[in-house]
Amino acid sequence: MQPVHLHGCGTFLQAVHGKESEHAVWRDRVESRGECGMLAAQVRDVSWSLNDSGDPDPLLGTIGDARYVLLGEASHGTSDFYLWRTRLCQRLIQEKGFSLIAVEGDWSDCYRINRYAKHYPDSGVNGFEVLQAFRRWPTWMWANWEVAALAEWLRL
């Protein structure tokens, strides 16, 4: 899989999404050169739908023997993304031997879920309860049932 060069894409998206400013000029420039359609075609060529548990197989093949896999947060709040992130983490652990999940979150709150997953004494009754202790940003990204289910799976 070859990386897709996205020159000017962020600027184009800013203009399209209503942030009209000096960036609006880019929208006209990109559309007039047909780059929008070419970019969309390139993205379609290197992407695939995630509909069932076997769909991430091409991604896992691309990962190969990599020691690090970074999953970007595209939604900041959708159940679909959280479920696919959980499935990918599970497969990376089971099939690729990964042993660490690092997240963008407050250290002390994240440490509570780490303690729970590792069966430390007095670490909580269940993953959902432990996640309710998240009091700092980004609470909604971590204190939800999808992350609680991952914590329960990690605890096994």
Protein backbone atom coordinates (compact mmCIF):
# COMPACT_ATOMS: atom_id res chain seq x y z
CA MET A 1 0.00 0.00 0.00
CA GLN A 2 1.54 3.31 -1.07
CA PRO A 3 0.98 6.45 1.01
CA VAL A 4 -1.30 9.02 -0.55
CA HIS A 5 0.08 12.54 -0.81
CA LEU A 6 -2.55 14.89 0.62
CA HIS A 7 -1.02 18.26 -0.24
CA GLY A 8 -3.53 21.00 0.43
CA CYS A 9 -6.23 18.61 1.63
CA GLY A 10 -6.55 20.08 5.12
CA THR A 11 -6.87 23.57 3.71
CA PHE A 12 -9.44 22.34 1.20
CA LEU A 13 -11.47 20.65 3.92
CA GLN A 14 -11.40 23.77 6.08
CA ALA A 15 -12.88 25.76 3.24
CA VAL A 16 -15.51 23.16 2.42
CA HIS A 17 -16.61 22.86 6.04
CA GLY A 18 -17.63 26.49 6.23
CA LYS A 19 -14.56 28.14 7.68
CA GLU A 20 -14.62 30.79 4.98
CA SER A 21 -11.49 32.91 5.12
CA GLU A 22 -8.35 33.07 3.09
CA HIS A 23 -8.77 29.29 2.73
CA ALA A 24 -11.79 29.72 0.46
CA VAL A 25 -9.38 30.52 -2.35
CA TRP A 26 -7.96 26.99 -2.04
CA ARG A 27 -11.41 25.46 -2.57
CA ASP A 28 -11.74 27.07 -5.97
CA ARG A 29 -8.15 26.24 -6.90
CA VAL A 30 -8.47 22.59 -5.91
CA GLU A 31 -11.88 22.11 -7.55
CA SER A 32 -10.80 23.81 -10.76
CA ARG A 33 -7.82 21.48 -11.15
CA GLY A 34 -9.89 18.37 -10.48
CA GLU A 35 -7.75 17.45 -7.47
CA CYS A 36 -10.81 16.82 -5.33
CA GLY A 37 -11.96 13.93 -7.49
CA MET A 38 -8.42 12.59 -7.83
CA LEU A 39 -7.89 12.71 -4.08
CA ALA A 40 -11.19 10.94 -3.43
CA ALA A 41 -10.23 8.23 -5.92
CA GLN A 42 -6.81 7.77 -4.30
CA VAL A 43 -8.38 7.45 -0.85
CA ARG A 44 -10.90 4.90 -2.18
CA ASP A 45 -8.06 2.89 -3.76
CA VAL A 46 -6.23 2.45 -0.45
CA SER A 47 -9.20 2.09 1.91
CA TRP A 48 -11.79 -0.55 2.66
CA SER A 49 -15.08 -0.79 4.53
CA LEU A 50 -15.26 -2.12 8.06
CA ASN A 51 -18.43 -4.19 8.27
CA ASP A 52 -17.50 -7.52 9.85
CA SER A 53 -14.73 -9.01 11.96
CA GLY A 54 -12.64 -10.10 8.97
CA ASP A 55 -12.52 -6.66 7.41
CA PRO A 56 -9.34 -5.48 9.24
CA ASP A 57 -7.35 -8.38 7.72
CA PRO A 58 -5.70 -6.15 5.07
CA LEU A 59 -4.70 -3.69 7.78
CA LEU A 60 -3.14 -6.44 9.89
CA GLY A 61 -1.29 -7.65 6.80
CA THR A 62 0.04 -4.15 6.21
CA ILE A 63 1.12 -3.91 9.87
CA GLY A 64 3.27 -6.99 9.37
CA ASP A 65 5.94 -7.20 12.08
CA ALA A 66 5.72 -3.56 13.14
CA ARG A 67 6.48 -2.97 16.79
CA TYR A 68 4.24 0.11 17.06
CA VAL A 69 0.79 0.79 15.66
CA LEU A 70 -0.74 4.22 16.11
CA LEU A 71 -4.52 4.51 15.79
CA GLY A 72 -5.70 8.05 15.17
CA GLU A 73 -8.88 9.27 16.78
CA ALA A 74 -11.10 10.36 13.93
CA SER A 75 -14.35 10.93 15.73
CA HIS A 76 -13.90 11.93 19.37
CA GLY A 77 -17.13 10.34 20.35
CA THR A 78 -18.69 7.73 18.07
CA SER A 79 -19.51 4.23 19.21
CA ASP A 80 -18.61 2.77 15.79
CA PHE A 81 -15.05 4.07 16.00
CA TYR A 82 -14.64 2.88 19.60
CA LEU A 83 -15.87 -0.61 18.69
CA TRP A 84 -13.47 -0.91 15.75
CA ARG A 85 -10.62 0.43 17.89
CA THR A 86 -11.42 -2.26 20.46
CA ARG A 87 -11.50 -4.99 17.80
CA LEU A 88 -8.19 -3.81 16.34
CA CYS A 89 -6.58 -3.70 19.79
CA GLN A 90 -7.81 -7.21 20.56
CA ARG A 91 -6.46 -8.58 17.30
CA LEU A 92 -3.13 -6.80 17.74
CA ILE A 93 -2.80 -8.41 21.17
CA GLN A 94 -3.98 -11.86 20.11
CA GLU A 95 -2.40 -12.14 16.67
CA LYS A 96 0.60 -9.82 16.77
CA GLY A 97 1.72 -10.16 20.40
CA PHE A 98 1.22 -6.53 21.40
CA SER A 99 1.23 -5.93 25.15
CA LEU A 100 0.59 -2.20 25.58
CA ILE A 101 -2.23 0.18 24.77
CA ALA A 102 -1.22 3.81 25.23
CA VAL A 103 -3.90 6.48 25.05
CA GLU A 104 -4.31 10.23 25.08
CA GLY A 105 -5.82 10.66 28.51
CA ASP A 106 -5.11 11.88 32.00
CA TRP A 107 -2.42 9.73 33.63
CA SER A 108 -4.08 9.26 37.03
CA ASP A 109 -7.45 8.33 35.52
CA CYS A 110 -5.84 5.96 33.02
CA TYR A 111 -3.78 4.38 35.77
CA ARG A 112 -7.02 3.37 37.53
CA ILE A 113 -8.13 1.33 34.54
CA ASN A 114 -4.63 -0.13 34.23
CA ARG A 115 -4.84 -1.29 37.87
CA TYR A 116 -8.25 -2.81 37.20
CA ALA A 117 -7.13 -4.68 34.07
CA LYS A 118 -4.17 -6.13 35.98
CA HIS A 119 -6.31 -7.34 38.92
CA TYR A 120 -4.61 -5.09 41.49
CA PRO A 121 -6.20 -5.16 44.96
CA ASP A 122 -9.01 -2.66 45.53
CA SER A 123 -8.97 -1.65 41.87
CA GLY A 124 -12.74 -1.60 41.36
CA VAL A 125 -15.76 -3.83 40.94
CA ASN A 126 -16.04 -3.56 37.15
CA GLY A 127 -14.58 -1.62 34.27
CA PHE A 128 -17.54 0.71 33.91
CA GLU A 129 -17.34 1.73 37.57
CA VAL A 130 -13.61 2.40 37.28
CA LEU A 131 -14.13 4.51 34.16
CA GLN A 132 -16.72 6.66 35.93
CA ALA A 133 -13.82 8.04 37.96
CA PHE A 134 -12.57 9.85 34.83
CA ARG A 135 -12.96 13.49 35.85
CA ARG A 136 -10.60 15.22 33.45
CA TRP A 137 -10.65 15.74 29.69
CA PRO A 138 -11.57 13.81 27.66
CA THR A 139 -14.14 12.10 29.89
CA TRP A 140 -16.61 11.12 27.14
CA MET A 141 -13.86 9.43 25.13
CA TRP A 142 -13.02 6.97 27.89
CA ALA A 143 -15.91 6.71 30.36
CA ASN A 144 -18.22 4.77 28.04
CA TRP A 145 -19.41 1.20 27.70
CA GLU A 146 -17.17 0.42 24.70
CA VAL A 147 -14.00 1.15 26.68
CA ALA A 148 -15.46 -0.67 29.70
CA ALA A 149 -15.93 -3.76 27.51
CA LEU A 150 -12.29 -3.54 26.39
CA ALA A 151 -11.21 -3.23 30.03
CA GLU A 152 -13.19 -6.36 30.89
CA TRP A 153 -11.61 -8.22 27.96
CA LEU A 154 -8.11 -7.09 29.02
CA ARG A 155 -8.82 -8.26 32.58
CA LEU A 156 -9.44 -11.88 31.53
